[in-house]
N, C-alpha and C. Protein backbone atom coordinates (compact mmCIF):
# COMPACT_ATOMS: atom_id res chain seq x y z
N MET A 1 -182.55 107.68 69.70
CA MET A 1 -181.44 107.91 70.73
C MET A 1 -180.68 107.39 69.93
N SER A 2 -178.98 108.08 70.14
CA SER A 2 -178.00 107.29 69.42
C SER A 2 -177.17 107.03 70.52
N ALA A 3 -175.77 106.45 70.09
CA ALA A 3 -174.62 105.88 71.16
C ALA A 3 -174.24 107.46 71.48
N SER A 4 -173.63 107.55 72.62
CA SER A 4 -172.88 108.54 73.19
C SER A 4 -171.32 108.79 72.11
N PRO A 5 -171.26 109.96 71.42
CA PRO A 5 -170.52 110.06 70.40
C PRO A 5 -169.15 110.11 71.05
N ALA A 6 -167.75 109.54 70.68
CA ALA A 6 -166.63 109.86 71.03
C ALA A 6 -165.98 111.02 70.92
N LEU A 7 -164.89 111.31 71.83
CA LEU A 7 -164.52 112.41 72.06
C LEU A 7 -163.18 112.21 71.25
N SER A 8 -162.46 113.26 70.78
CA SER A 8 -161.00 113.03 70.32
C SER A 8 -159.92 112.99 71.19
N PRO A 9 -160.26 113.93 72.40
CA PRO A 9 -159.19 113.43 73.46
C PRO A 9 -159.63 112.01 74.19
N SER A 10 -158.48 111.29 74.20
CA SER A 10 -158.65 110.26 74.61
C SER A 10 -158.46 110.14 76.41
N PRO A 11 -158.77 109.44 76.75
CA PRO A 11 -158.62 109.43 78.44
C PRO A 11 -156.86 109.38 78.43
N ALA A 12 -156.33 109.92 79.37
CA ALA A 12 -154.88 109.34 79.85
C ALA A 12 -154.77 108.11 80.69
N VAL A 13 -153.95 107.58 79.99
CA VAL A 13 -153.97 106.00 80.66
C VAL A 13 -152.39 106.42 81.42
N SER A 14 -152.28 105.91 82.71
CA SER A 14 -151.26 106.44 83.78
C SER A 14 -150.32 104.95 84.40
N SER A 15 -151.09 103.55 83.63
CA SER A 15 -150.46 102.49 83.70
C SER A 15 -150.35 101.58 82.82
N SER A 16 -149.33 100.63 82.24
CA SER A 16 -149.65 99.92 80.90
C SER A 16 -149.90 98.47 81.52
N ASP A 17 -149.97 98.32 82.93
CA ASP A 17 -149.91 96.99 83.35
C ASP A 17 -151.29 96.44 83.45
N THR A 18 -151.53 95.02 83.14
CA THR A 18 -152.98 94.71 82.70
C THR A 18 -153.35 94.61 84.37
N ALA A 19 -154.82 95.20 84.64
CA ALA A 19 -155.08 94.90 85.85
C ALA A 19 -156.21 93.82 85.88
N PRO A 20 -156.46 93.09 87.26
CA PRO A 20 -157.11 92.05 87.27
C PRO A 20 -158.27 92.07 86.38
N GLY A 21 -159.14 91.32 85.68
CA GLY A 21 -160.35 91.33 85.17
C GLY A 21 -160.66 92.12 83.65
N THR A 22 -159.60 92.67 83.35
CA THR A 22 -159.44 93.30 82.45
C THR A 22 -159.25 93.04 80.98
N ALA A 23 -158.63 91.83 80.98
CA ALA A 23 -158.08 90.95 79.50
C ALA A 23 -159.60 90.85 78.97
N ALA A 24 -159.65 91.02 77.69
CA ALA A 24 -160.80 90.40 76.84
C ALA A 24 -161.02 89.03 77.08
N ALA A 25 -162.16 88.70 77.11
CA ALA A 25 -162.87 87.09 76.87
C ALA A 25 -162.37 86.91 75.37
N PRO A 26 -162.31 85.69 75.23
CA PRO A 26 -161.90 85.15 74.04
C PRO A 26 -163.02 85.24 72.94
N GLY A 27 -162.52 85.94 72.03
CA GLY A 27 -163.27 85.90 70.82
C GLY A 27 -164.06 87.72 71.24
N THR A 28 -163.64 88.42 72.09
CA THR A 28 -164.38 89.77 72.05
C THR A 28 -163.30 90.65 71.13
N ASP A 29 -162.08 90.29 70.75
CA ASP A 29 -161.41 91.51 70.38
C ASP A 29 -161.75 91.03 68.40
N ALA A 30 -162.38 90.03 68.17
CA ALA A 30 -162.50 90.08 66.73
C ALA A 30 -163.81 90.82 66.77
N THR A 31 -163.93 90.76 65.51
CA THR A 31 -165.70 91.36 65.36
C THR A 31 -166.72 90.49 65.33
N PRO A 32 -167.73 90.71 66.27
CA PRO A 32 -168.83 89.70 66.64
C PRO A 32 -169.67 89.74 65.45
N ALA A 33 -170.15 88.14 65.49
CA ALA A 33 -170.85 87.81 64.17
C ALA A 33 -172.23 88.80 63.88
N ALA A 34 -172.39 88.66 62.76
CA ALA A 34 -173.62 89.56 62.33
C ALA A 34 -174.73 89.50 63.07
N GLY A 35 -175.34 90.52 63.34
CA GLY A 35 -176.91 90.42 64.19
C GLY A 35 -177.46 91.92 64.21
N PRO A 36 -178.35 91.99 65.22
CA PRO A 36 -179.21 93.05 64.80
C PRO A 36 -178.58 94.61 65.29
N SER A 37 -178.75 95.54 64.58
CA SER A 37 -178.23 97.04 64.70
C SER A 37 -178.45 97.41 66.09
N GLN A 38 -178.04 98.45 66.34
CA GLN A 38 -178.34 99.41 67.70
C GLN A 38 -180.06 99.66 67.61
N ALA A 39 -180.03 100.39 66.06
CA ALA A 39 -181.47 100.60 66.19
C ALA A 39 -182.38 99.58 66.20
N GLU A 40 -182.25 98.21 65.68
CA GLU A 40 -183.03 97.17 65.88
C GLU A 40 -183.11 96.54 67.22
N LEU A 41 -182.20 96.96 68.07
CA LEU A 41 -182.34 96.41 69.50
C LEU A 41 -182.97 97.57 70.16
N LEU A 42 -182.90 98.72 69.80
CA LEU A 42 -183.86 99.83 70.50
C LEU A 42 -185.12 99.60 70.19
N ASP A 43 -185.48 99.40 68.80
CA ASP A 43 -187.12 98.95 68.40
C ASP A 43 -187.19 98.00 69.27
N PHE A 44 -186.66 96.69 69.58
CA PHE A 44 -187.05 95.78 70.29
C PHE A 44 -187.42 95.77 71.66
N VAL A 45 -186.56 96.65 72.48
CA VAL A 45 -186.89 96.82 73.85
C VAL A 45 -187.57 98.00 73.88
N ARG A 46 -188.02 98.82 72.89
CA ARG A 46 -189.47 99.80 72.84
C ARG A 46 -190.30 98.84 73.08
N ASP A 47 -190.47 97.94 71.96
CA ASP A 47 -191.89 97.31 72.14
C ASP A 47 -192.02 96.51 73.33
N VAL A 48 -190.91 95.74 73.78
CA VAL A 48 -190.95 95.41 74.99
C VAL A 48 -191.30 96.26 76.37
N ALA A 49 -190.95 97.24 76.00
CA ALA A 49 -191.22 98.26 77.04
C ALA A 49 -192.78 98.56 77.28
N ALA A 50 -193.39 98.43 76.13
CA ALA A 50 -194.56 99.03 75.82
C ALA A 50 -195.77 97.86 76.13
N ASP A 51 -195.35 96.61 76.51
CA ASP A 51 -195.99 95.52 76.82
C ASP A 51 -196.49 95.52 78.43
N ALA A 52 -197.45 96.58 78.46
CA ALA A 52 -197.78 96.72 79.97
C ALA A 52 -198.03 95.57 80.70
N GLU A 53 -198.75 94.20 80.31
CA GLU A 53 -198.92 93.14 81.29
C GLU A 53 -197.76 92.23 81.27
N LEU A 54 -196.66 92.51 80.35
CA LEU A 54 -195.31 91.85 80.85
C LEU A 54 -195.02 92.46 81.98
N VAL A 55 -194.58 93.89 81.68
CA VAL A 55 -193.94 94.51 82.70
C VAL A 55 -194.65 94.41 83.80
N VAL A 56 -196.16 94.49 84.14
CA VAL A 56 -196.57 94.52 85.72
C VAL A 56 -196.64 93.46 86.24
N SER A 57 -196.43 92.00 85.07
CA SER A 57 -196.04 90.41 85.71
C SER A 57 -194.45 90.44 86.40
N LEU A 58 -193.86 91.29 86.26
CA LEU A 58 -192.57 91.17 86.79
C LEU A 58 -192.71 91.30 88.48
N PRO A 59 -191.85 90.47 89.27
CA PRO A 59 -192.21 90.74 90.78
C PRO A 59 -191.13 91.46 90.88
N LEU A 60 -191.71 92.23 92.14
CA LEU A 60 -190.69 93.30 92.48
C LEU A 60 -190.32 93.15 93.84
N ASP A 61 -189.10 92.94 94.22
CA ASP A 61 -188.77 92.87 95.55
C ASP A 61 -188.18 94.50 96.16
N PRO A 62 -188.67 94.92 97.20
CA PRO A 62 -188.42 95.83 98.34
C PRO A 62 -186.84 96.43 98.41
N GLN A 63 -186.06 95.08 98.42
CA GLN A 63 -184.69 95.18 98.76
C GLN A 63 -183.80 94.97 97.52
N SER A 64 -183.92 94.04 96.55
CA SER A 64 -183.12 93.82 95.57
C SER A 64 -183.67 93.58 94.21
N ARG A 65 -182.96 93.65 93.28
CA ARG A 65 -183.10 93.98 91.87
C ARG A 65 -183.80 92.43 91.67
N THR A 66 -184.48 92.73 90.92
CA THR A 66 -185.34 91.22 90.03
C THR A 66 -185.21 91.15 88.80
N TRP A 67 -185.30 90.23 88.01
CA TRP A 67 -185.25 90.23 86.39
C TRP A 67 -185.70 88.86 85.94
N VAL A 68 -186.03 88.98 84.55
CA VAL A 68 -186.49 87.95 83.89
C VAL A 68 -185.78 87.93 82.56
N ARG A 69 -185.01 86.84 82.45
CA ARG A 69 -184.77 86.95 81.06
C ARG A 69 -185.71 86.50 79.59
N LEU A 70 -185.54 87.13 78.53
CA LEU A 70 -186.36 87.13 77.53
C LEU A 70 -185.66 86.50 76.39
N ASP A 71 -186.51 86.15 75.28
CA ASP A 71 -185.52 85.87 74.08
C ASP A 71 -185.92 87.20 72.98
N GLY A 72 -184.83 87.33 72.52
CA GLY A 72 -184.40 88.59 71.33
C GLY A 72 -184.19 88.44 70.41
N PRO A 73 -183.95 89.18 69.50
CA PRO A 73 -183.59 89.38 68.17
C PRO A 73 -182.15 88.46 67.62
N ALA A 74 -182.51 87.69 66.79
CA ALA A 74 -181.17 87.13 66.30
C ALA A 74 -180.01 86.37 67.48
N GLY A 75 -180.83 85.65 68.89
CA GLY A 75 -180.24 85.39 69.78
C GLY A 75 -179.63 86.75 70.85
N SER A 76 -180.27 87.66 70.54
CA SER A 76 -179.73 88.77 71.76
C SER A 76 -179.97 88.32 72.93
N GLY A 77 -179.13 88.84 73.94
CA GLY A 77 -179.56 88.58 75.83
C GLY A 77 -180.47 89.69 75.91
N VAL A 78 -181.36 89.43 76.13
CA VAL A 78 -182.59 90.53 76.71
C VAL A 78 -183.14 90.26 78.18
N TRP A 79 -183.01 91.65 78.87
CA TRP A 79 -183.75 91.13 80.01
C TRP A 79 -184.45 92.33 80.74
N LEU A 80 -185.78 91.89 81.80
CA LEU A 80 -186.71 92.61 81.93
C LEU A 80 -186.13 92.85 83.57
N ILE A 81 -185.79 94.32 83.92
CA ILE A 81 -185.16 93.97 85.24
C ILE A 81 -186.16 94.91 85.99
N GLY A 82 -185.90 95.07 87.36
CA GLY A 82 -187.18 95.74 88.03
C GLY A 82 -185.93 96.15 89.21
N ARG A 83 -185.88 97.39 89.48
CA ARG A 83 -184.68 98.16 90.48
C ARG A 83 -185.73 98.86 91.56
N PRO A 84 -185.39 98.60 92.80
CA PRO A 84 -185.67 99.28 93.78
C PRO A 84 -185.63 100.60 93.81
N PRO A 85 -186.16 101.69 94.58
CA PRO A 85 -185.89 102.79 94.76
C PRO A 85 -184.11 102.94 95.48
N GLY A 86 -183.55 103.62 95.04
CA GLY A 86 -182.06 103.95 95.54
C GLY A 86 -181.27 103.20 95.04
N THR A 87 -181.19 102.18 94.01
CA THR A 87 -180.47 101.05 93.97
C THR A 87 -179.78 101.51 92.44
N GLY A 88 -178.65 101.02 92.07
CA GLY A 88 -177.71 100.97 90.71
C GLY A 88 -176.80 100.07 90.31
N THR A 89 -176.49 100.01 89.07
CA THR A 89 -175.59 98.98 88.37
C THR A 89 -174.31 99.24 88.91
N GLY A 90 -173.83 100.35 89.46
CA GLY A 90 -172.10 100.45 89.32
C GLY A 90 -171.93 100.90 87.98
N TRP A 91 -170.50 101.45 87.83
CA TRP A 91 -169.91 101.41 86.68
C TRP A 91 -169.40 100.09 85.87
N HIS A 92 -169.88 100.21 84.42
CA HIS A 92 -169.68 98.70 83.84
C HIS A 92 -169.89 98.94 82.37
N ASP A 93 -169.22 97.94 81.83
CA ASP A 93 -169.10 97.82 80.25
C ASP A 93 -170.15 96.60 80.11
N HIS A 94 -170.23 96.14 78.44
CA HIS A 94 -170.92 95.21 78.09
C HIS A 94 -170.17 94.25 77.28
N GLY A 95 -168.81 93.84 77.67
CA GLY A 95 -167.95 93.18 77.12
C GLY A 95 -167.80 93.09 75.36
N ASN A 96 -167.86 94.36 74.75
CA ASN A 96 -167.84 94.20 73.45
C ASN A 96 -169.22 93.84 72.54
N SER A 97 -170.15 94.13 73.38
CA SER A 97 -171.46 93.79 72.77
C SER A 97 -172.01 95.23 72.24
N LEU A 98 -173.31 95.49 71.43
CA LEU A 98 -174.08 96.15 70.95
C LEU A 98 -175.08 96.34 72.05
N GLY A 99 -175.74 97.25 72.29
CA GLY A 99 -176.86 97.26 73.11
C GLY A 99 -177.96 98.42 73.11
N ALA A 100 -179.11 98.33 73.97
CA ALA A 100 -179.84 99.19 73.79
C ALA A 100 -180.60 99.12 75.06
N PHE A 101 -181.50 100.14 75.44
CA PHE A 101 -182.45 99.71 77.23
C PHE A 101 -183.17 100.83 77.12
N MET A 102 -184.27 100.70 77.70
CA MET A 102 -185.54 101.75 77.69
C MET A 102 -186.14 101.27 78.90
N THR A 103 -186.41 102.50 79.59
CA THR A 103 -187.34 102.62 80.71
C THR A 103 -188.95 102.25 80.45
N ALA A 104 -189.36 101.14 81.13
CA ALA A 104 -190.79 100.67 80.90
C ALA A 104 -191.42 101.10 82.05
N SER A 105 -191.15 101.32 83.14
CA SER A 105 -191.95 102.24 84.23
C SER A 105 -190.91 103.34 85.33
N GLY A 106 -191.31 104.15 85.75
CA GLY A 106 -190.44 104.72 86.82
C GLY A 106 -189.63 105.70 85.93
N GLU A 107 -188.41 106.00 86.20
CA GLU A 107 -187.69 106.80 85.96
C GLU A 107 -186.11 106.08 86.22
N LEU A 108 -184.97 106.26 85.40
CA LEU A 108 -183.83 105.95 85.47
C LEU A 108 -182.92 107.36 85.53
N LYS A 109 -181.64 107.00 85.99
CA LYS A 109 -180.74 108.05 85.55
C LYS A 109 -179.64 106.98 84.99
N GLU A 110 -178.90 107.58 83.82
CA GLU A 110 -178.04 106.96 83.26
C GLU A 110 -176.66 108.07 83.22
N ASN A 111 -175.34 107.84 84.09
CA ASN A 111 -174.27 108.27 83.80
C ASN A 111 -173.26 107.50 82.70
N SER A 112 -172.81 108.07 81.71
CA SER A 112 -172.08 107.33 80.99
C SER A 112 -170.75 108.34 80.53
N LEU A 113 -169.89 107.87 79.94
CA LEU A 113 -168.50 108.32 79.41
C LEU A 113 -168.45 108.11 77.88
N ALA A 114 -168.37 109.78 77.50
CA ALA A 114 -168.36 109.87 75.91
C ALA A 114 -167.02 109.77 75.22
N VAL A 115 -166.51 108.52 75.50
CA VAL A 115 -165.00 108.15 75.31
C VAL A 115 -165.02 106.59 75.16
N ARG A 116 -164.09 106.34 73.99
CA ARG A 116 -163.92 104.88 73.78
C ARG A 116 -162.61 104.12 74.94
N MET A 117 -163.13 103.03 75.62
CA MET A 117 -162.47 102.89 76.44
C MET A 117 -161.43 101.61 75.89
N PRO A 118 -161.00 101.35 76.47
CA PRO A 118 -159.29 100.69 76.07
C PRO A 118 -159.83 99.44 77.01
N THR A 119 -159.95 98.30 76.37
CA THR A 119 -160.10 96.86 76.98
C THR A 119 -159.47 96.29 77.72
N GLU A 120 -158.30 96.43 77.63
CA GLU A 120 -156.89 95.78 78.61
C GLU A 120 -155.94 96.54 78.56
N GLY A 121 -155.13 96.10 79.54
CA GLY A 121 -153.62 96.96 79.02
C GLY A 121 -153.76 98.24 80.27
N TRP A 122 -154.35 98.29 81.27
CA TRP A 122 -154.68 99.44 82.28
C TRP A 122 -154.83 99.41 83.57
N LYS A 123 -154.31 100.14 84.53
CA LYS A 123 -154.94 99.85 85.55
C LYS A 123 -155.58 100.91 86.28
N THR A 124 -155.46 102.18 85.90
CA THR A 124 -156.38 103.62 86.35
C THR A 124 -156.30 104.49 84.78
N LEU A 125 -157.47 105.18 84.68
CA LEU A 125 -157.47 105.86 83.55
C LEU A 125 -157.90 107.31 84.54
N GLU A 126 -157.08 108.36 83.83
CA GLU A 126 -157.79 109.60 84.37
C GLU A 126 -158.34 110.36 83.28
N LEU A 127 -159.67 110.55 83.47
CA LEU A 127 -160.89 110.88 82.54
C LEU A 127 -160.59 112.72 82.38
N ASN A 128 -160.52 112.99 81.52
CA ASN A 128 -160.59 114.11 80.58
C ASN A 128 -162.20 115.14 80.95
N ASP A 129 -161.96 116.54 81.53
CA ASP A 129 -162.81 117.09 81.65
C ASP A 129 -163.77 116.77 80.59
N GLY A 130 -165.40 116.96 80.63
CA GLY A 130 -166.18 116.90 79.52
C GLY A 130 -166.42 115.62 78.70
N VAL A 131 -165.92 114.35 79.58
CA VAL A 131 -166.66 113.42 78.74
C VAL A 131 -167.84 112.75 79.69
N ASP A 132 -168.11 113.14 80.59
CA ASP A 132 -169.25 112.53 81.49
C ASP A 132 -170.75 113.24 80.98
N ARG A 133 -171.66 111.75 80.86
CA ARG A 133 -172.88 112.33 80.40
C ARG A 133 -174.11 111.95 81.15
N GLU A 134 -175.05 112.52 80.96
CA GLU A 134 -176.28 112.37 82.28
C GLU A 134 -177.26 112.39 81.60
N ARG A 135 -178.26 111.11 81.72
CA ARG A 135 -179.57 111.18 80.72
C ARG A 135 -180.71 110.69 82.02
N ARG A 136 -181.80 111.41 81.70
CA ARG A 136 -182.65 110.54 82.79
C ARG A 136 -183.85 110.37 81.78
N PRO A 137 -184.11 108.83 81.36
CA PRO A 137 -184.88 108.33 80.70
C PRO A 137 -186.13 107.91 81.16
N ALA A 138 -187.30 108.61 81.11
CA ALA A 138 -188.59 108.40 81.82
C ALA A 138 -188.95 107.12 81.08
N ALA A 139 -190.38 106.72 81.68
CA ALA A 139 -191.26 105.66 80.81
C ALA A 139 -191.42 105.92 79.45
N GLY A 140 -190.86 104.75 78.89
CA GLY A 140 -191.08 105.06 77.35
C GLY A 140 -189.59 105.70 76.60
N GLU A 141 -188.69 105.95 77.40
CA GLU A 141 -187.79 106.68 76.45
C GLU A 141 -186.34 105.59 77.10
N GLY A 142 -185.37 105.90 76.07
CA GLY A 142 -184.05 104.79 76.17
C GLY A 142 -183.37 104.98 75.25
N ARG A 143 -182.04 104.41 75.18
CA ARG A 143 -181.25 104.69 73.92
C ARG A 143 -180.64 103.48 73.51
N ALA A 144 -179.81 103.26 72.54
CA ALA A 144 -178.76 102.48 71.94
C ALA A 144 -177.52 102.84 72.31
N PHE A 145 -176.77 101.87 71.90
CA PHE A 145 -175.01 102.08 72.68
C PHE A 145 -174.25 101.45 71.56
N GLY A 146 -173.24 101.66 71.86
CA GLY A 146 -171.99 100.99 70.30
C GLY A 146 -171.06 99.88 71.84
N ARG A 147 -170.25 99.24 71.02
CA ARG A 147 -169.41 98.49 71.75
C ARG A 147 -168.54 98.69 72.77
N HIS A 148 -168.35 100.01 73.05
CA HIS A 148 -167.25 100.11 73.96
C HIS A 148 -168.09 101.24 74.90
N HIS A 149 -169.33 100.84 75.27
CA HIS A 149 -170.06 101.53 76.37
C HIS A 149 -169.70 101.62 77.54
N VAL A 150 -169.29 102.49 78.30
CA VAL A 150 -169.29 102.24 79.98
C VAL A 150 -170.17 103.64 80.77
N HIS A 151 -171.03 102.86 81.36
CA HIS A 151 -171.87 103.25 82.35
C HIS A 151 -172.41 103.13 83.48
N GLU A 152 -173.54 103.51 84.17
CA GLU A 152 -174.10 103.22 85.41
C GLU A 152 -175.35 103.47 85.13
N VAL A 153 -176.38 102.73 85.64
CA VAL A 153 -177.79 102.71 86.02
C VAL A 153 -178.06 102.93 86.99
N LEU A 154 -179.20 104.33 87.37
CA LEU A 154 -179.59 104.23 88.72
C LEU A 154 -181.02 104.22 88.64
N ASN A 155 -181.82 103.84 89.93
CA ASN A 155 -183.02 104.37 90.03
C ASN A 155 -182.63 105.12 91.48
N ALA A 156 -183.01 106.49 90.88
CA ALA A 156 -182.71 107.56 92.26
C ALA A 156 -183.70 107.95 92.81
N SER A 157 -185.07 107.30 92.63
CA SER A 157 -186.29 107.50 93.08
C SER A 157 -186.34 107.42 94.83
N PRO A 158 -186.58 107.98 95.62
CA PRO A 158 -186.76 107.56 97.25
C PRO A 158 -187.57 106.40 97.39
N GLU A 159 -188.50 106.42 96.59
CA GLU A 159 -189.98 105.46 96.75
C GLU A 159 -190.64 104.67 95.59
N GLN A 160 -189.92 104.79 94.21
CA GLN A 160 -190.71 104.24 93.38
C GLN A 160 -189.90 103.31 92.56
N HIS A 161 -190.21 101.88 92.44
CA HIS A 161 -189.62 101.06 91.86
C HIS A 161 -189.31 101.61 90.00
N ALA A 162 -188.47 100.99 89.44
CA ALA A 162 -188.27 101.27 87.71
C ALA A 162 -188.22 100.15 87.42
N VAL A 163 -188.63 100.14 86.30
CA VAL A 163 -188.40 98.44 85.33
C VAL A 163 -188.07 99.26 83.84
N SER A 164 -187.04 98.00 83.64
CA SER A 164 -186.72 98.64 82.57
C SER A 164 -186.23 97.46 81.47
N VAL A 165 -186.16 97.66 80.18
CA VAL A 165 -185.38 96.41 79.29
C VAL A 165 -184.04 96.59 78.85
N HIS A 166 -183.43 95.62 78.61
CA HIS A 166 -182.09 95.71 78.09
C HIS A 166 -181.61 94.63 77.24
N ALA A 167 -181.05 94.85 76.28
CA ALA A 167 -180.39 94.05 75.54
C ALA A 167 -179.43 94.17 74.92
N CYS A 168 -178.70 93.18 74.46
CA CYS A 168 -177.11 93.09 74.22
C CYS A 168 -177.14 92.07 73.03
N HIS A 169 -176.15 92.36 71.87
CA HIS A 169 -175.83 91.60 71.08
C HIS A 169 -174.34 91.59 70.45
N PRO A 170 -173.46 90.51 70.63
CA PRO A 170 -174.24 89.36 71.18
C PRO A 170 -174.33 89.26 72.55
N PRO A 171 -175.14 88.29 72.95
CA PRO A 171 -175.33 88.06 74.45
C PRO A 171 -174.25 88.44 75.35
N LEU A 172 -174.24 88.91 76.28
CA LEU A 172 -172.92 89.26 77.23
C LEU A 172 -172.03 88.31 77.18
N PRO A 173 -170.35 88.33 76.60
CA PRO A 173 -169.65 87.25 76.84
C PRO A 173 -168.87 87.46 78.19
N LEU A 174 -169.21 88.92 78.67
CA LEU A 174 -168.67 89.24 80.18
C LEU A 174 -169.11 90.56 80.50
N MET A 175 -168.94 91.12 81.42
CA MET A 175 -169.14 92.56 82.11
C MET A 175 -167.92 92.72 82.68
N ARG A 176 -167.36 94.05 82.63
CA ARG A 176 -166.04 94.42 83.50
C ARG A 176 -167.16 95.45 84.32
N ARG A 177 -166.25 95.48 85.58
CA ARG A 177 -166.99 96.30 86.38
C ARG A 177 -165.74 97.31 87.02
N TYR A 178 -166.08 98.52 87.28
CA TYR A 178 -165.01 99.52 87.37
C TYR A 178 -165.69 100.56 88.65
N SER A 179 -164.43 100.83 89.15
CA SER A 179 -164.90 102.11 90.45
C SER A 179 -164.23 103.54 89.99
N ARG A 180 -165.20 104.37 90.13
CA ARG A 180 -164.76 105.59 90.11
C ARG A 180 -164.51 106.85 91.07
N THR A 181 -163.77 107.23 91.42
CA THR A 181 -163.50 108.31 92.21
C THR A 181 -162.71 109.70 91.40
N GLY A 182 -163.95 110.68 91.46
CA GLY A 182 -163.73 111.88 90.41
C GLY A 182 -163.27 111.39 89.43
N PRO A 183 -162.60 112.19 88.86
CA PRO A 183 -162.01 111.94 87.16
C PRO A 183 -161.44 110.44 87.38
N THR A 184 -161.02 109.31 88.25
CA THR A 184 -160.47 108.31 87.94
C THR A 184 -161.04 107.04 87.87
N LEU A 185 -160.58 106.63 87.07
CA LEU A 185 -161.61 105.04 86.73
C LEU A 185 -160.67 103.87 86.85
N ARG A 186 -161.12 102.83 87.65
CA ARG A 186 -160.19 101.80 87.71
C ARG A 186 -161.22 100.42 87.40
N PRO A 187 -160.31 99.60 86.55
CA PRO A 187 -161.34 98.36 86.35
C PRO A 187 -161.16 97.54 87.85
N GLU A 188 -162.12 96.58 88.13
CA GLU A 188 -162.34 96.15 89.61
C GLU A 188 -162.21 94.58 89.13
N GLN A 189 -163.29 93.82 88.59
CA GLN A 189 -163.35 92.74 87.80
C GLN A 189 -164.52 92.22 86.80
N ALA A 190 -163.86 91.32 86.25
CA ALA A 190 -164.94 90.95 85.07
C ALA A 190 -166.06 89.55 85.52
N GLU A 191 -167.11 89.68 85.20
CA GLU A 191 -168.03 88.82 85.48
C GLU A 191 -168.67 88.20 84.24
N SER A 192 -168.62 86.93 84.28
CA SER A 192 -168.92 85.73 83.40
C SER A 192 -170.60 85.58 83.50
N PRO A 193 -171.06 85.09 82.58
CA PRO A 193 -172.75 85.07 82.39
C PRO A 193 -173.05 84.10 83.36
N GLU A 194 -172.32 83.01 83.87
CA GLU A 194 -172.83 82.52 84.81
C GLU A 194 -172.78 83.11 86.22
N GLY A 195 -172.23 84.56 86.28
CA GLY A 195 -172.48 85.16 87.53
C GLY A 195 -174.16 85.95 87.91
N TRP A 196 -174.63 85.77 86.52
CA TRP A 196 -175.72 86.70 86.65
C TRP A 196 -177.08 85.68 85.71
N GLN A 197 -176.93 84.67 85.55
CA GLN A 197 -177.88 84.08 85.15
C GLN A 197 -178.43 83.01 85.94
């Protein structure tokens, strides 16, 4: 699986004011240090997702997400995540990191945007028609993505947990969260690693 292709028309920027939480973290504008490629991250999450003993060892909570952090290639951040039925991540990016994820059990739904996103200097984007992508990776399916990937991951099942493996390199320096209403995308906040580890 490959990263979403960029579309030639970019979303229209309706404001040049910097919104809270959209400034890049120190060091995220520079080219990140060499590390595993998207393909290598995808291979790694595929191997972890195929480890049935590890996947079933993850404690699952009926109400909230559970996770365990794993060691990844070249210091990558890797998480095995259990998602209860009907839960999702909300729209977010990965702070200029490459990444990959693989469904280990259940089925997930990924909504993503096939457009390169600016990292700062905007409050509202009006997205063009045709930038939405939807994938439904079942167990053993996944994808890699590039540094400007914005998506949300959902467990749309009304009754079954989903477990997935996610890897990012460099390990997430921050995660920007967005709200979306129709074609309008707004940055809401930036989370640092301390908020989810």
